Amino acid sequence: MAIEWPAGLPAEPAREGFGYNLGKNGEESRTDDGPPKGRRTSTLAVDKVRLQFRWTVTQYKDVFLPWIRDDLADGAKRFDWHDGLLDTDHQARIVGGRGGVSVRPGPGAKLTVSFELDLIDAVA
């Protein structure tokens, strides 16, 4: 059974801190003469996306923390994530698990929660 994004949390990240890193699935090797030779190293390139959310303390404490701890086994398991910007569905995993999540106060009474996802494959 697929793990879903928690119902009590907004799924749309803030625009600040949002960004993609396309996965690498090739290498180049230098040659004695001529241009470098390129080759594929894998048929799967894992893309990464940086996300930043603004949640209340209650949303973070009562929804996000139990979800990452219990449902995701401290962030080790994959879950279904919808990318609202590109309108695509992915299997995702939090990079670094629970330890990859950064939390800081603000703005106002909210918390800024940041983490990076590995986008494993398109579910579409």
PDB file of N, CA and C in Angstrom:
ATOM      1  N   MET A   1       0.835  -1.181   0.000  1.00  0.00           N
ATOM      2  CA  MET A   1       0.000   0.000   0.000  1.00  0.00           C
ATOM      3  C   MET A   1       0.877   1.241   0.000  1.00  0.00           C
ATOM      4  N   ALA A   2       0.572   2.164  -0.879  1.00  0.00           N
ATOM      5  CA  ALA A   2       1.363   3.389  -1.004  1.00  0.00           C
ATOM      6  C   ALA A   2       1.107   4.332   0.165  1.00  0.00           C
ATOM      7  N   ILE A   3       2.156   4.965   0.619  1.00  0.00           N
ATOM      8  CA  ILE A   3       2.042   5.956   1.690  1.00  0.00           C
ATOM      9  C   ILE A   3       1.729   7.297   1.042  1.00  0.00           C
ATOM     10  N   GLU A   4       0.708   7.961   1.537  1.00  0.00           N
ATOM     11  CA  GLU A   4       0.272   9.241   0.985  1.00  0.00           C
ATOM     12  C   GLU A   4       0.801  10.396   1.820  1.00  0.00           C
ATOM     13  N   TRP A   5       0.832  11.581   1.211  1.00  0.00           N
ATOM     14  CA  TRP A   5       1.144  12.817   1.928  1.00  0.00           C
ATOM     15  C   TRP A   5       0.079  13.002   3.002  1.00  0.00           C
ATOM     16  N   PRO A   6       0.436  13.448   4.213  1.00  0.00           N
ATOM     17  CA  PRO A   6      -0.550  13.565   5.289  1.00  0.00           C
ATOM     18  C   PRO A   6      -1.661  14.573   4.966  1.00  0.00           C
ATOM     19  N   ALA A   7      -2.888  14.179   5.261  1.00  0.00           N
ATOM     20  CA  ALA A   7      -4.054  14.995   4.927  1.00  0.00           C
ATOM     21  C   ALA A   7      -4.077  16.328   5.658  1.00  0.00           C
ATOM     22  N   GLY A   8      -3.510  16.419   6.832  1.00  0.00           N
ATOM     23  CA  GLY A   8      -3.565  17.655   7.610  1.00  0.00           C
ATOM     24  C   GLY A   8      -2.494  18.672   7.281  1.00  0.00           C
ATOM     25  N   LEU A   9      -1.674  18.413   6.241  1.00  0.00           N
ATOM     26  CA  LEU A   9      -0.600  19.345   5.886  1.00  0.00           C
ATOM     27  C   LEU A   9      -0.803  19.907   4.490  1.00  0.00           C
ATOM     28  N   PRO A  10      -0.596  21.217   4.320  1.00  0.00           N
ATOM     29  CA  PRO A  10      -0.614  21.764   2.960  1.00  0.00           C
ATOM     30  C   PRO A  10       0.506  21.125   2.134  1.00  0.00           C
ATOM     31  N   ALA A  11       0.190  20.708   0.920  1.00  0.00           N
ATOM     32  CA  ALA A  11       1.173  20.022   0.077  1.00  0.00           C
ATOM     33  C   ALA A  11       1.958  20.972  -0.815  1.00  0.00           C
ATOM     34  N   GLU A  12       1.491  22.200  -0.950  1.00  0.00           N
ATOM     35  CA  GLU A  12       2.181  23.156  -1.819  1.00  0.00           C
ATOM     36  C   GLU A  12       3.324  23.828  -1.055  1.00  0.00           C
ATOM     37  N   PRO A  13       4.550  23.684  -1.529  1.00  0.00           N
ATOM     38  CA  PRO A  13       5.686  24.336  -0.850  1.00  0.00           C
ATOM     39  C   PRO A  13       5.723  25.827  -1.155  1.00  0.00           C
ATOM     40  N   ALA A  14       6.470  26.556  -0.339  1.00  0.00           N
ATOM     41  CA  ALA A  14       6.699  27.973  -0.590  1.00  0.00           C
ATOM     42  C   ALA A  14       7.599  28.122  -1.814  1.00  0.00           C
ATOM     43  N   ARG A  15       7.459  29.203  -2.538  1.00  0.00           N
ATOM     44  CA  ARG A  15       8.303  29.413  -3.716  1.00  0.00           C
ATOM     45  C   ARG A  15       9.755  29.650  -3.326  1.00  0.00           C
ATOM     46  N   GLU A  16       9.982  30.299  -2.189  1.00  0.00           N
ATOM     47  CA  GLU A  16      11.358  30.495  -1.715  1.00  0.00           C
ATOM     48  C   GLU A  16      11.916  29.150  -1.299  1.00  0.00           C
ATOM     49  N   GLY A  17      13.119  28.874  -1.698  1.00  0.00           N
ATOM     50  CA  GLY A  17      13.766  27.619  -1.331  1.00  0.00           C
ATOM     51  C   GLY A  17      13.399  26.446  -2.217  1.00  0.00           C
ATOM     52  N   PHE A  18      12.525  26.654  -3.217  1.00  0.00           N
ATOM     53  CA  PHE A  18      12.096  25.571  -4.096  1.00  0.00           C
ATOM     54  C   PHE A  18      13.073  25.463  -5.253  1.00  0.00           C
ATOM     55  N   GLY A  19      13.519  24.250  -5.586  1.00  0.00           N
ATOM     56  CA  GLY A  19      14.421  24.101  -6.718  1.00  0.00           C
ATOM     57  C   GLY A  19      14.676  22.649  -7.059  1.00  0.00           C
ATOM     58  N   TYR A  20      14.969  22.421  -8.326  1.00  0.00           N
ATOM     59  CA  TYR A  20      15.258  21.079  -8.836  1.00  0.00           C
ATOM     60  C   TYR A  20      16.742  20.910  -9.110  1.00  0.00           C
ATOM     61  N   ASN A  21      17.222  19.691  -8.902  1.00  0.00           N
ATOM     62  CA  ASN A  21      18.537  19.258  -9.365  1.00  0.00           C
ATOM     63  C   ASN A  21      18.299  17.991 -10.166  1.00  0.00           C
ATOM     64  N   LEU A  22      18.584  18.049 -11.451  1.00  0.00           N
ATOM     65  CA  LEU A  22      18.363  16.880 -12.293  1.00  0.00           C
ATOM     66  C   LEU A  22      19.433  15.833 -12.022  1.00  0.00           C
ATOM     67  N   GLY A  23      19.019  14.590 -11.994  1.00  0.00           N
ATOM     68  CA  GLY A  23      19.923  13.494 -11.672  1.00  0.00           C
ATOM     69  C   GLY A  23      20.953  13.242 -12.753  1.00  0.00           C
ATOM     70  N   LYS A  24      22.081  12.716 -12.331  1.00  0.00           N
ATOM     71  CA  LYS A  24      23.183  12.409 -13.253  1.00  0.00           C
ATOM     72  C   LYS A  24      23.133  10.918 -13.586  1.00  0.00           C
ATOM     73  N   ASN A  25      23.158  10.603 -14.859  1.00  0.00           N
ATOM     74  CA  ASN A  25      23.205   9.192 -15.243  1.00  0.00           C
ATOM     75  C   ASN A  25      24.230   8.957 -16.351  1.00  0.00           C
ATOM     76  N   GLY A  26      25.272   9.757 -16.338  1.00  0.00           N
ATOM     77  CA  GLY A  26      26.327   9.587 -17.333  1.00  0.00           C
ATOM     78  C   GLY A  26      27.660  10.104 -16.832  1.00  0.00           C
ATOM     79  N   GLU A  27      28.714   9.728 -17.545  1.00  0.00           N
ATOM     80  CA  GLU A  27      30.068  10.179 -17.209  1.00  0.00           C
ATOM     81  C   GLU A  27      30.811  10.513 -18.485  1.00  0.00           C
ATOM     82  N   GLU A  28      31.791  11.361 -18.333  1.00  0.00           N
ATOM     83  CA  GLU A  28      32.691  11.659 -19.446  1.00  0.00           C
ATOM     84  C   GLU A  28      34.097  11.258 -19.045  1.00  0.00           C
ATOM     85  N   SER A  29      34.814  10.667 -19.976  1.00  0.00           N
ATOM     86  CA  SER A  29      36.206  10.331 -19.708  1.00  0.00           C
ATOM     87  C   SER A  29      37.087  11.000 -20.758  1.00  0.00           C
ATOM     88  N   ARG A  30      38.183  11.511 -20.274  1.00  0.00           N
ATOM     89  CA  ARG A  30      39.113  12.196 -21.181  1.00  0.00           C
ATOM     90  C   ARG A  30      39.798  11.193 -22.083  1.00  0.00           C
ATOM     91  N   THR A  31      40.143  11.676 -23.241  1.00  0.00           N
ATOM     92  CA  THR A  31      40.886  10.840 -24.185  1.00  0.00           C
ATOM     93  C   THR A  31      42.214  11.509 -24.484  1.00  0.00           C
ATOM     94  N   ASP A  32      43.147  10.742 -25.027  1.00  0.00           N
ATOM     95  CA  ASP A  32      44.450  11.307 -25.375  1.00  0.00           C
ATOM     96  C   ASP A  32      44.326  12.318 -26.503  1.00  0.00           C
ATOM     97  N   ASP A  33      43.399  12.055 -27.399  1.00  0.00           N
ATOM     98  CA  ASP A  33      43.247  12.928 -28.552  1.00  0.00           C
ATOM     99  C   ASP A  33      41.758  13.084 -28.861  1.00  0.00           C
ATOM    100  N   GLY A  34      41.288  14.299 -29.002  1.00  0.00           N
ATOM    101  CA  GLY A  34      39.902  14.544 -29.354  1.00  0.00           C
ATOM    102  C   GLY A  34      39.032  14.865 -28.150  1.00  0.00           C
ATOM    103  N   PRO A  35      37.753  14.967 -28.412  1.00  0.00           N
ATOM    104  CA  PRO A  35      36.827  15.343 -27.340  1.00  0.00           C
ATOM    105  C   PRO A  35      36.620  14.199 -26.346  1.00  0.00           C
ATOM    106  N   PRO A  36      36.143  14.518 -25.130  1.00  0.00           N
ATOM    107  CA  PRO A  36      35.875  13.464 -24.152  1.00  0.00           C
ATOM    108  C   PRO A  36      34.780  12.529 -24.649  1.00  0.00           C
ATOM    109  N   LYS A  37      34.862  11.278 -24.215  1.00  0.00           N
ATOM    110  CA  LYS A  37      33.840  10.293 -24.574  1.00  0.00           C
ATOM    111  C   LYS A  37      32.814  10.220 -23.457  1.00  0.00           C
ATOM    112  N   GLY A  38      31.550  10.258 -23.844  1.00  0.00           N
ATOM    113  CA  GLY A  38      30.470  10.167 -22.869  1.00  0.00           C
ATOM    114  C   GLY A  38      29.813   8.807 -22.906  1.00  0.00           C
ATOM    115  N   ARG A  39      29.325   8.360 -21.731  1.00  0.00           N
ATOM    116  CA  ARG A  39      28.607   7.090 -21.671  1.00  0.00           C
ATOM    117  C   ARG A  39      27.599   7.156 -20.538  1.00  0.00           C
ATOM    118  N   ARG A  40      26.518   6.391 -20.701  1.00  0.00           N
ATOM    119  CA  ARG A  40      25.515   6.278 -19.650  1.00  0.00           C
ATOM    120  C   ARG A  40      26.007   5.334 -18.575  1.00  0.00           C
ATOM    121  N   THR A  41      25.706   5.656 -17.344  1.00  0.00           N
ATOM    122  CA  THR A  41      26.065   4.776 -16.240  1.00  0.00           C
ATOM    123  C   THR A  41      24.840   4.097 -15.632  1.00  0.00           C
ATOM    124  N   SER A  42      23.660   4.581 -16.000  1.00  0.00           N
ATOM    125  CA  SER A  42      22.434   4.024 -15.442  1.00  0.00           C
ATOM    126  C   SER A  42      21.260   4.397 -16.332  1.00  0.00           C
ATOM    127  N   THR A  43      20.218   3.613 -16.273  1.00  0.00           N
ATOM    128  CA  THR A  43      19.005   3.967 -17.012  1.00  0.00           C
ATOM    129  C   THR A  43      18.075   4.808 -16.146  1.00  0.00           C
ATOM    130  N   LEU A  44      18.383   4.961 -14.864  1.00  0.00           N
ATOM    131  CA  LEU A  44      17.573   5.743 -13.942  1.00  0.00           C
ATOM    132  C   LEU A  44      18.407   6.879 -13.371  1.00  0.00           C
ATOM    133  N   ALA A  45      17.917   8.084 -13.518  1.00  0.00           N
ATOM    134  CA  ALA A  45      18.560   9.236 -12.898  1.00  0.00           C
ATOM    135  C   ALA A  45      17.619   9.756 -11.820  1.00  0.00           C
ATOM    136  N   VAL A  46      18.066   9.779 -10.580  1.00  0.00           N
ATOM    137  CA  VAL A  46      17.230  10.242  -9.478  1.00  0.00           C
ATOM    138  C   VAL A  46      17.332  11.759  -9.401  1.00  0.00           C
ATOM    139  N   ASP A  47      16.207  12.423  -9.662  1.00  0.00           N
ATOM    140  CA  ASP A  47      16.168  13.874  -9.548  1.00  0.00           C
ATOM    141  C   ASP A  47      15.933  14.252  -8.092  1.00  0.00           C
ATOM    142  N   LYS A  48      16.380  15.444  -7.733  1.00  0.00           N
ATOM    143  CA  LYS A  48      16.174  15.951  -6.378  1.00  0.00           C
ATOM    144  C   LYS A  48      15.390  17.253  -6.462  1.00  0.00           C
ATOM    145  N   VAL A  49      14.567  17.490  -5.449  1.00  0.00           N
ATOM    146  CA  VAL A  49      13.835  18.747  -5.360  1.00  0.00           C
ATOM    147  C   VAL A  49      13.943  19.251  -3.918  1.00  0.00           C
ATOM    148  N   ARG A  50      14.278  20.542  -3.792  1.00  0.00           N
ATOM    149  CA  ARG A  50      14.364  21.183  -2.480  1.00  0.00           C
ATOM    150  C   ARG A  50      13.016  21.833  -2.189  1.00  0.00           C
ATOM    151  N   LEU A  51      12.493  21.570  -0.988  1.00  0.00           N
ATOM    152  CA  LEU A  51      11.185  22.096  -0.609  1.00  0.00           C
ATOM    153  C   LEU A  51      11.274  22.876   0.686  1.00  0.00           C
ATOM    154  N   GLN A  52      10.408  23.860   0.802  1.00  0.00           N
ATOM    155  CA  GLN A  52      10.309  24.648   2.020  1.00  0.00           C
ATOM    156  C   GLN A  52       8.824  24.890   2.277  1.00  0.00           C
ATOM    157  N   PHE A  53       8.379  24.568   3.488  1.00  0.00           N
ATOM    158  CA  PHE A  53       6.981  24.729   3.855  1.00  0.00           C
ATOM    159  C   PHE A  53       6.865  25.679   5.039  1.00  0.00           C
ATOM    160  N   ARG A  54       5.706  26.312   5.168  1.00  0.00           N
ATOM    161  CA  ARG A  54       5.402  27.138   6.341  1.00  0.00           C
ATOM    162  C   ARG A  54       4.182  26.517   7.017  1.00  0.00           C
ATOM    163  N   TRP A  55       4.433  25.915   8.176  1.00  0.00           N
ATOM    164  CA  TRP A  55       3.378  25.237   8.914  1.00  0.00           C
ATOM    165  C   TRP A  55       3.281  25.804  10.316  1.00  0.00           C
ATOM    166  N   THR A  56       2.114  25.632  10.922  1.00  0.00           N
ATOM    167  CA  THR A  56       1.965  26.008  12.322  1.00  0.00           C
ATOM    168  C   THR A  56       2.709  24.985  13.177  1.00  0.00           C
ATOM    169  N   VAL A  57       2.954  25.354  14.412  1.00  0.00           N
ATOM    170  CA  VAL A  57       3.611  24.431  15.336  1.00  0.00           C
ATOM    171  C   VAL A  57       2.760  23.168  15.494  1.00  0.00           C
ATOM    172  N   THR A  58       1.449  23.326  15.557  1.00  0.00           N
ATOM    173  CA  THR A  58       0.549  22.186  15.698  1.00  0.00           C
ATOM    174  C   THR A  58       0.632  21.261  14.485  1.00  0.00           C
ATOM    175  N   GLN A  59       0.645  21.816  13.276  1.00  0.00           N
ATOM    176  CA  GLN A  59       0.769  20.984  12.072  1.00  0.00           C
ATOM    177  C   GLN A  59       2.076  20.202  12.093  1.00  0.00           C
ATOM    178  N   TYR A  60       3.162  20.876  12.462  1.00  0.00           N
ATOM    179  CA  TYR A  60       4.472  20.211  12.511  1.00  0.00           C
ATOM    180  C   TYR A  60       4.495  19.120  13.578  1.00  0.00           C
ATOM    181  N   LYS A  61       4.059  19.475  14.783  1.00  0.00           N
ATOM    182  CA  LYS A  61       4.159  18.567  15.925  1.00  0.00           C
ATOM    183  C   LYS A  61       3.142  17.424  15.861  1.00  0.00           C
ATOM    184  N   ASP A  62       1.905  17.718  15.481  1.00  0.00           N
ATOM    185  CA  ASP A  62       0.844  16.715  15.559  1.00  0.00           C
ATOM    186  C   ASP A  62       0.586  15.962  14.255  1.00  0.00           C
ATOM    187  N   VAL A  63       1.093  16.478  13.117  1.00  0.00           N
ATOM    188  CA  VAL A  63       0.842  15.802  11.842  1.00  0.00           C
ATOM    189  C   VAL A  63       2.147  15.335  11.189  1.00  0.00           C
ATOM    190  N   PHE A  64       3.094  16.259  10.973  1.00  0.00           N
ATOM    191  CA  PHE A  64       4.318  15.909  10.255  1.00  0.00           C
ATOM    192  C   PHE A  64       5.211  14.946  11.038  1.00  0.00           C
ATOM    193  N   LEU A  65       5.502  15.258  12.288  1.00  0.00           N
ATOM    194  CA  LEU A  65       6.405  14.398  13.061  1.00  0.00           C
ATOM    195  C   LEU A  65       5.881  12.968  13.216  1.00  0.00           C
ATOM    196  N   PRO A  66       4.602  12.756  13.576  1.00  0.00           N
ATOM    197  CA  PRO A  66       4.119  11.363  13.631  1.00  0.00           C
ATOM    198  C   PRO A  66       4.153  10.672  12.266  1.00  0.00           C
ATOM    199  N   TRP A  67       3.873  11.414  11.181  1.00  0.00           N
ATOM    200  CA  TRP A  67       3.893  10.828   9.832  1.00  0.00           C
ATOM    201  C   TRP A  67       5.298  10.357   9.464  1.00  0.00           C
ATOM    202  N   ILE A  68       6.303  11.217   9.682  1.00  0.00           N
ATOM    203  CA  ILE A  68       7.673  10.834   9.310  1.00  0.00           C
ATOM    204  C   ILE A  68       8.190   9.724  10.232  1.00  0.00           C
ATOM    205  N   ARG A  69       7.822   9.775  11.502  1.00  0.00           N
ATOM    206  CA  ARG A  69       8.295   8.768  12.459  1.00  0.00           C
ATOM    207  C   ARG A  69       7.608   7.420  12.243  1.00  0.00           C
ATOM    208  N   ASP A  70       6.277   7.422  12.181  1.00  0.00           N
ATOM    209  CA  ASP A  70       5.524   6.165  12.151  1.00  0.00           C
ATOM    210  C   ASP A  70       5.309   5.631  10.734  1.00  0.00           C
ATOM    211  N   ASP A  71       4.761   6.463   9.853  1.00  0.00           N
ATOM    212  CA  ASP A  71       4.429   5.995   8.500  1.00  0.00           C
ATOM    213  C   ASP A  71       5.672   5.803   7.631  1.00  0.00           C
ATOM    214  N   LEU A  72       6.631   6.719   7.766  1.00  0.00           N
ATOM    215  CA  LEU A  72       7.830   6.653   6.915  1.00  0.00           C
ATOM    216  C   LEU A  72       9.027   5.993   7.596  1.00  0.00           C
ATOM    217  N   ALA A  73       8.839   5.446   8.777  1.00  0.00           N
ATOM    218  CA  ALA A  73       9.937   4.802   9.517  1.00  0.00           C
ATOM    219  C   ALA A  73      11.147   5.741   9.607  1.00  0.00           C
ATOM    220  N   ASP A  74      10.909   6.927  10.180  1.00  0.00           N
ATOM    221  CA  ASP A  74      11.921   7.975  10.325  1.00  0.00           C
ATOM    222  C   ASP A  74      12.476   8.449   8.982  1.00  0.00           C
ATOM    223  N   GLY A  75      11.663   8.385   7.958  1.00  0.00           N
ATOM    224  CA  GLY A  75      12.041   8.922   6.657  1.00  0.00           C
ATOM    225  C   GLY A  75      12.669   7.923   5.710  1.00  0.00           C
ATOM    226  N   ALA A  76      12.749   6.657   6.107  1.00  0.00           N
ATOM    227  CA  ALA A  76      13.400   5.651   5.263  1.00  0.00           C
ATOM    228  C   ALA A  76      12.511   5.154   4.127  1.00  0.00           C
ATOM    229  N   LYS A  77      11.200   5.227   4.291  1.00  0.00           N
ATOM    230  CA  LYS A  77      10.285   4.695   3.286  1.00  0.00           C
ATOM    231  C   LYS A  77       9.918   5.746   2.239  1.00  0.00           C
ATOM    232  N   ARG A  78       9.472   5.262   1.098  1.00  0.00           N
ATOM    233  CA  ARG A  78       9.014   6.124   0.012  1.00  0.00           C
ATOM    234  C   ARG A  78       7.541   6.477   0.213  1.00  0.00           C
ATOM    235  N   PHE A  79       7.132   7.586  -0.393  1.00  0.00           N
ATOM    236  CA  PHE A  79       5.740   7.989  -0.351  1.00  0.00           C
ATOM    237  C   PHE A  79       5.370   8.633  -1.680  1.00  0.00           C
ATOM    238  N   ASP A  80       4.062   8.728  -1.933  1.00  0.00           N
ATOM    239  CA  ASP A  80       3.569   9.371  -3.149  1.00  0.00           C
ATOM    240  C   ASP A  80       3.550  10.872  -2.940  1.00  0.00           C
ATOM    241  N   TRP A  81       4.142  11.604  -3.885  1.00  0.00           N
ATOM    242  CA  TRP A  81       4.190  13.061  -3.792  1.00  0.00           C
ATOM    243  C   TRP A  81       3.769  13.662  -5.124  1.00  0.00           C
ATOM    244  N   HIS A  82       2.870  14.636  -5.051  1.00  0.00           N
ATOM    245  CA  HIS A  82       2.420  15.334  -6.257  1.00  0.00           C
ATOM    246  C   HIS A  82       3.164  16.647  -6.376  1.00  0.00           C
ATOM    247  N   ASP A  83       3.843  16.839  -7.488  1.00  0.00           N
ATOM    248  CA  ASP A  83       4.548  18.083  -7.783  1.00  0.00           C
ATOM    249  C   ASP A  83       3.550  19.033  -8.442  1.00  0.00           C
ATOM    250  N   GLY A  84       3.088  20.010  -7.668  1.00  0.00           N
ATOM    251  CA  GLY A  84       2.092  20.947  -8.166  1.00  0.00           C
ATOM    252  C   GLY A  84       2.618  21.869  -9.253  1.00  0.00           C
ATOM    253  N   LEU A  85       3.930  22.142  -9.256  1.00  0.00           N
ATOM    254  CA  LEU A  85       4.505  23.033 -10.259  1.00  0.00           C
ATOM    255  C   LEU A  85       4.478  22.390 -11.642  1.00  0.00           C
ATOM    256  N   LEU A  86       4.915  21.143 -11.740  1.00  0.00           N
ATOM    257  CA  LEU A  86       4.947  20.444 -13.031  1.00  0.00           C
ATOM    258  C   LEU A  86       3.730  19.544 -13.244  1.00  0.00           C
ATOM    259  N   ASP A  87       2.865  19.466 -12.232  1.00  0.00           N
ATOM    260  CA  ASP A  87       1.672  18.622 -12.277  1.00  0.00           C
ATOM    261  C   ASP A  87       2.027  17.172 -12.617  1.00  0.00           C
ATOM    262  N   THR A  88       2.992  16.618 -11.864  1.00  0.00           N
ATOM    263  CA  THR A  88       3.418  15.230 -12.035  1.00  0.00           C
ATOM    264  C   THR A  88       3.393  14.518 -10.686  1.00  0.00           C
ATOM    265  N   ASP A  89       3.212  13.212 -10.731  1.00  0.00           N
ATOM    266  CA  ASP A  89       3.216  12.385  -9.522  1.00  0.00           C
ATOM    267  C   ASP A  89       4.498  11.581  -9.461  1.00  0.00           C
ATOM    268  N   HIS A  90       5.028  11.435  -8.250  1.00  0.00           N
ATOM    269  CA  HIS A  90       6.305  10.743  -8.064  1.00  0.00           C
ATOM    270  C   HIS A  90       6.270   9.857  -6.833  1.00  0.00           C
ATOM    271  N   GLN A  91       7.145   8.867  -6.820  1.00  0.00           N
ATOM    272  CA  GLN A  91       7.541   8.185  -5.605  1.00  0.00           C
ATOM    273  C   GLN A  91       8.710   9.012  -5.078  1.00  0.00           C
ATOM    274  N   ALA A  92       8.660   9.378  -3.812  1.00  0.00           N
ATOM    275  CA  ALA A  92       9.689  10.248  -3.251  1.00  0.00           C
ATOM    276  C   ALA A  92      10.192   9.697  -1.926  1.00  0.00           C
ATOM    277  N   ARG A  93      11.386  10.133  -1.568  1.00  0.00           N
ATOM    278  CA  ARG A  93      12.001   9.772  -0.291  1.00  0.00           C
ATOM    279  C   ARG A  93      12.713  11.002   0.221  1.00  0.00           C
ATOM    280  N   ILE A  94      12.619  11.255   1.536  1.00  0.00           N
ATOM    281  CA  ILE A  94      13.291  12.406   2.132  1.00  0.00           C
ATOM    282  C   ILE A  94      14.776  12.102   2.237  1.00  0.00           C
ATOM    283  N   VAL A  95      15.604  12.941   1.615  1.00  0.00           N
ATOM    284  CA  VAL A  95      17.057  12.755   1.648  1.00  0.00           C
ATOM    285  C   VAL A  95      17.538  12.914   3.092  1.00  0.00           C
ATOM    286  N   GLY A  96      18.242  11.914   3.574  1.00  0.00           N
ATOM    287  CA  GLY A  96      18.745  11.964   4.950  1.00  0.00           C
ATOM    288  C   GLY A  96      17.718  11.532   5.983  1.00  0.00           C
ATOM    289  N   GLY A  97      16.534  11.124   5.529  1.00  0.00           N
ATOM    290  CA  GLY A  97      15.492  10.711   6.463  1.00  0.00           C
ATOM    291  C   GLY A  97      15.119  11.829   7.403  1.00  0.00           C
ATOM    292  N   ARG A  98      14.782  11.466   8.604  1.00  0.00           N
ATOM    293  CA  ARG A  98      14.371  12.463   9.605  1.00  0.00           C
ATOM    294  C   ARG A  98      15.477  13.483   9.850  1.00  0.00           C
ATOM    295  N   GLY A  99      16.731  13.058   9.768  1.00  0.00           N
ATOM    296  CA  GLY A  99      17.857  13.967   9.991  1.00  0.00           C
ATOM    297  C   GLY A  99      18.045  14.986   8.880  1.00  0.00           C
ATOM    298  N   GLY A 100      17.370  14.797   7.734  1.00  0.00           N
ATOM    299  CA  GLY A 100      17.479  15.738   6.632  1.00  0.00           C
ATOM    300  C   GLY A 100      16.479  16.876   6.694  1.00  0.00           C
ATOM    301  N   VAL A 101      15.672  16.901   7.739  1.00  0.00           N
ATOM    302  CA  VAL A 101      14.648  17.936   7.891  1.00  0.00           C
ATOM    303  C   VAL A 101      15.197  19.068   8.748  1.00  0.00           C
ATOM    304  N   SER A 102      15.058  20.295   8.242  1.00  0.00           N
ATOM    305  CA  SER A 102      15.516  21.487   8.956  1.00  0.00           C
ATOM    306  C   SER A 102      14.304  22.321   9.357  1.00  0.00           C
ATOM    307  N   VAL A 103      14.266  22.750  10.612  1.00  0.00           N
ATOM    308  CA  VAL A 103      13.146  23.542  11.116  1.00  0.00           C
ATOM    309  C   VAL A 103      13.683  24.810  11.763  1.00  0.00           C
ATOM    310  N   ARG A 104      13.062  25.938  11.406  1.00  0.00           N
ATOM    311  CA  ARG A 104      13.439  27.206  12.049  1.00  0.00           C
ATOM    312  C   ARG A 104      12.187  28.058  12.220  1.00  0.00           C
ATOM    313  N   PRO A 105      12.197  28.959  13.210  1.00  0.00           N
ATOM    314  CA  PRO A 105      11.021  29.781  13.458  1.00  0.00           C
ATOM    315  C   PRO A 105      10.807  30.834  12.378  1.00  0.00           C
ATOM    316  N   GLY A 106       9.545  31.197  12.191  1.00  0.00           N
ATOM    317  CA  GLY A 106       9.200  32.316  11.321  1.00  0.00           C
ATOM    318  C   GLY A 106       8.707  31.874   9.968  1.00  0.00           C
ATOM    319  N   PRO A 107       8.040  32.736   9.274  1.00  0.00           N
ATOM    320  CA  PRO A 107       7.654  34.087   9.697  1.00  0.00           C
ATOM    321  C   PRO A 107       6.443  34.054  10.622  1.00  0.00           C
ATOM    322  N   GLY A 108       6.347  35.039  11.471  1.00  0.00           N
ATOM    323  CA  GLY A 108       5.232  35.120  12.407  1.00  0.00           C
ATOM    324  C   GLY A 108       5.198  33.944  13.351  1.00  0.00           C
ATOM    325  N   ALA A 109       4.021  33.381  13.541  1.00  0.00           N
ATOM    326  CA  ALA A 109       3.838  32.269  14.467  1.00  0.00           C
ATOM    327  C   ALA A 109       4.056  30.916  13.795  1.00  0.00           C
ATOM    328  N   LYS A 110       4.504  30.913  12.559  1.00  0.00           N
ATOM    329  CA  LYS A 110       4.699  29.648  11.833  1.00  0.00           C
ATOM    330  C   LYS A 110       6.148  29.183  11.897  1.00  0.00           C
ATOM    331  N   LEU A 111       6.343  27.921  11.512  1.00  0.00           N
ATOM    332  CA  LEU A 111       7.680  27.348  11.389  1.00  0.00           C
ATOM    333  C   LEU A 111       8.005  27.206   9.912  1.00  0.00           C
ATOM    334  N   THR A 112       9.278  27.368   9.572  1.00  0.00           N
ATOM    335  CA  THR A 112       9.744  27.086   8.219  1.00  0.00           C
ATOM    336  C   THR A 112      10.414  25.725   8.249  1.00  0.00           C
ATOM    337  N   VAL A 113       9.853  24.774   7.515  1.00  0.00           N
ATOM    338  CA  VAL A 113      10.337  23.393   7.493  1.00  0.00           C
ATOM    339  C   VAL A 113      10.905  23.116   6.106  1.00  0.00           C
ATOM    340  N   SER A 114      12.178  22.722   6.037  1.00  0.00           N
ATOM    341  CA  SER A 114      12.853  22.502   4.755  1.00  0.00           C
ATOM    342  C   SER A 114      13.422  21.095   4.687  1.00  0.00           C
ATOM    343  N   PHE A 115      13.360  20.503   3.502  1.00  0.00           N
ATOM    344  CA  PHE A 115      14.016  19.225   3.260  1.00  0.00           C
ATOM    345  C   PHE A 115      14.137  19.015   1.755  1.00  0.00           C
ATOM    346  N   GLU A 116      14.904  17.999   1.394  1.00  0.00           N
ATOM    347  CA  GLU A 116      15.117  17.653  -0.009  1.00  0.00           C
ATOM    348  C   GLU A 116      14.542  16.262  -0.262  1.00  0.00           C
ATOM    349  N   LEU A 117      13.930  16.096  -1.424  1.00  0.00           N
ATOM    350  CA  LEU A 117      13.362  14.813  -1.814  1.00  0.00           C
ATOM    351  C   LEU A 117      14.147  14.198  -2.948  1.00  0.00           C
ATOM    352  N   ASP A 118      14.327  12.887  -2.907  1.00  0.00           N
ATOM    353  CA  ASP A 118      14.747  12.109  -4.073  1.00  0.00           C
ATOM    354  C   ASP A 118      13.468  11.731  -4.792  1.00  0.00           C
ATOM    355  N   LEU A 119      13.346  12.095  -6.065  1.00  0.00           N
ATOM    356  CA  LEU A 119      12.202  11.687  -6.874  1.00  0.00           C
ATOM    357  C   LEU A 119      12.600  10.417  -7.588  1.00  0.00           C
ATOM    358  N   ILE A 120      12.073   9.305  -7.143  1.00  0.00           N
ATOM    359  CA  ILE A 120      12.526   8.001  -7.590  1.00  0.00           C
ATOM    360  C   ILE A 120      12.048   7.696  -9.005  1.00  0.00           C
ATOM    361  N   ASP A 121      10.762   7.804  -9.259  1.00  0.00           N
ATOM    362  CA  ASP A 121      10.244   7.555 -10.604  1.00  0.00           C
ATOM    363  C   ASP A 121       8.871   8.168 -10.737  1.00  0.00           C
ATOM    364  N   ALA A 122       8.471   8.454 -11.956  1.00  0.00           N
ATOM    365  CA  ALA A 122       7.154   9.025 -12.194  1.00  0.00           C
ATOM    366  C   ALA A 122       6.100   7.940 -12.066  1.00  0.00           C
ATOM    367  N   VAL A 123       5.059   8.227 -11.332  1.00  0.00           N
ATOM    368  CA  VAL A 123       3.982   7.284 -11.121  1.00  0.00           C
ATOM    369  C   VAL A 123       2.939   7.425 -12.230  1.00  0.00           C
ATOM    370  N   ALA A 124       2.808   8.648 -12.767  1.00  0.00           N
ATOM    371  CA  ALA A 124       1.792   9.020 -13.764  1.00  0.00           C
ATOM    372  C   ALA A 124       1.300   7.827 -14.508  1.00  0.00           C
TER     373      ALA A 124
END
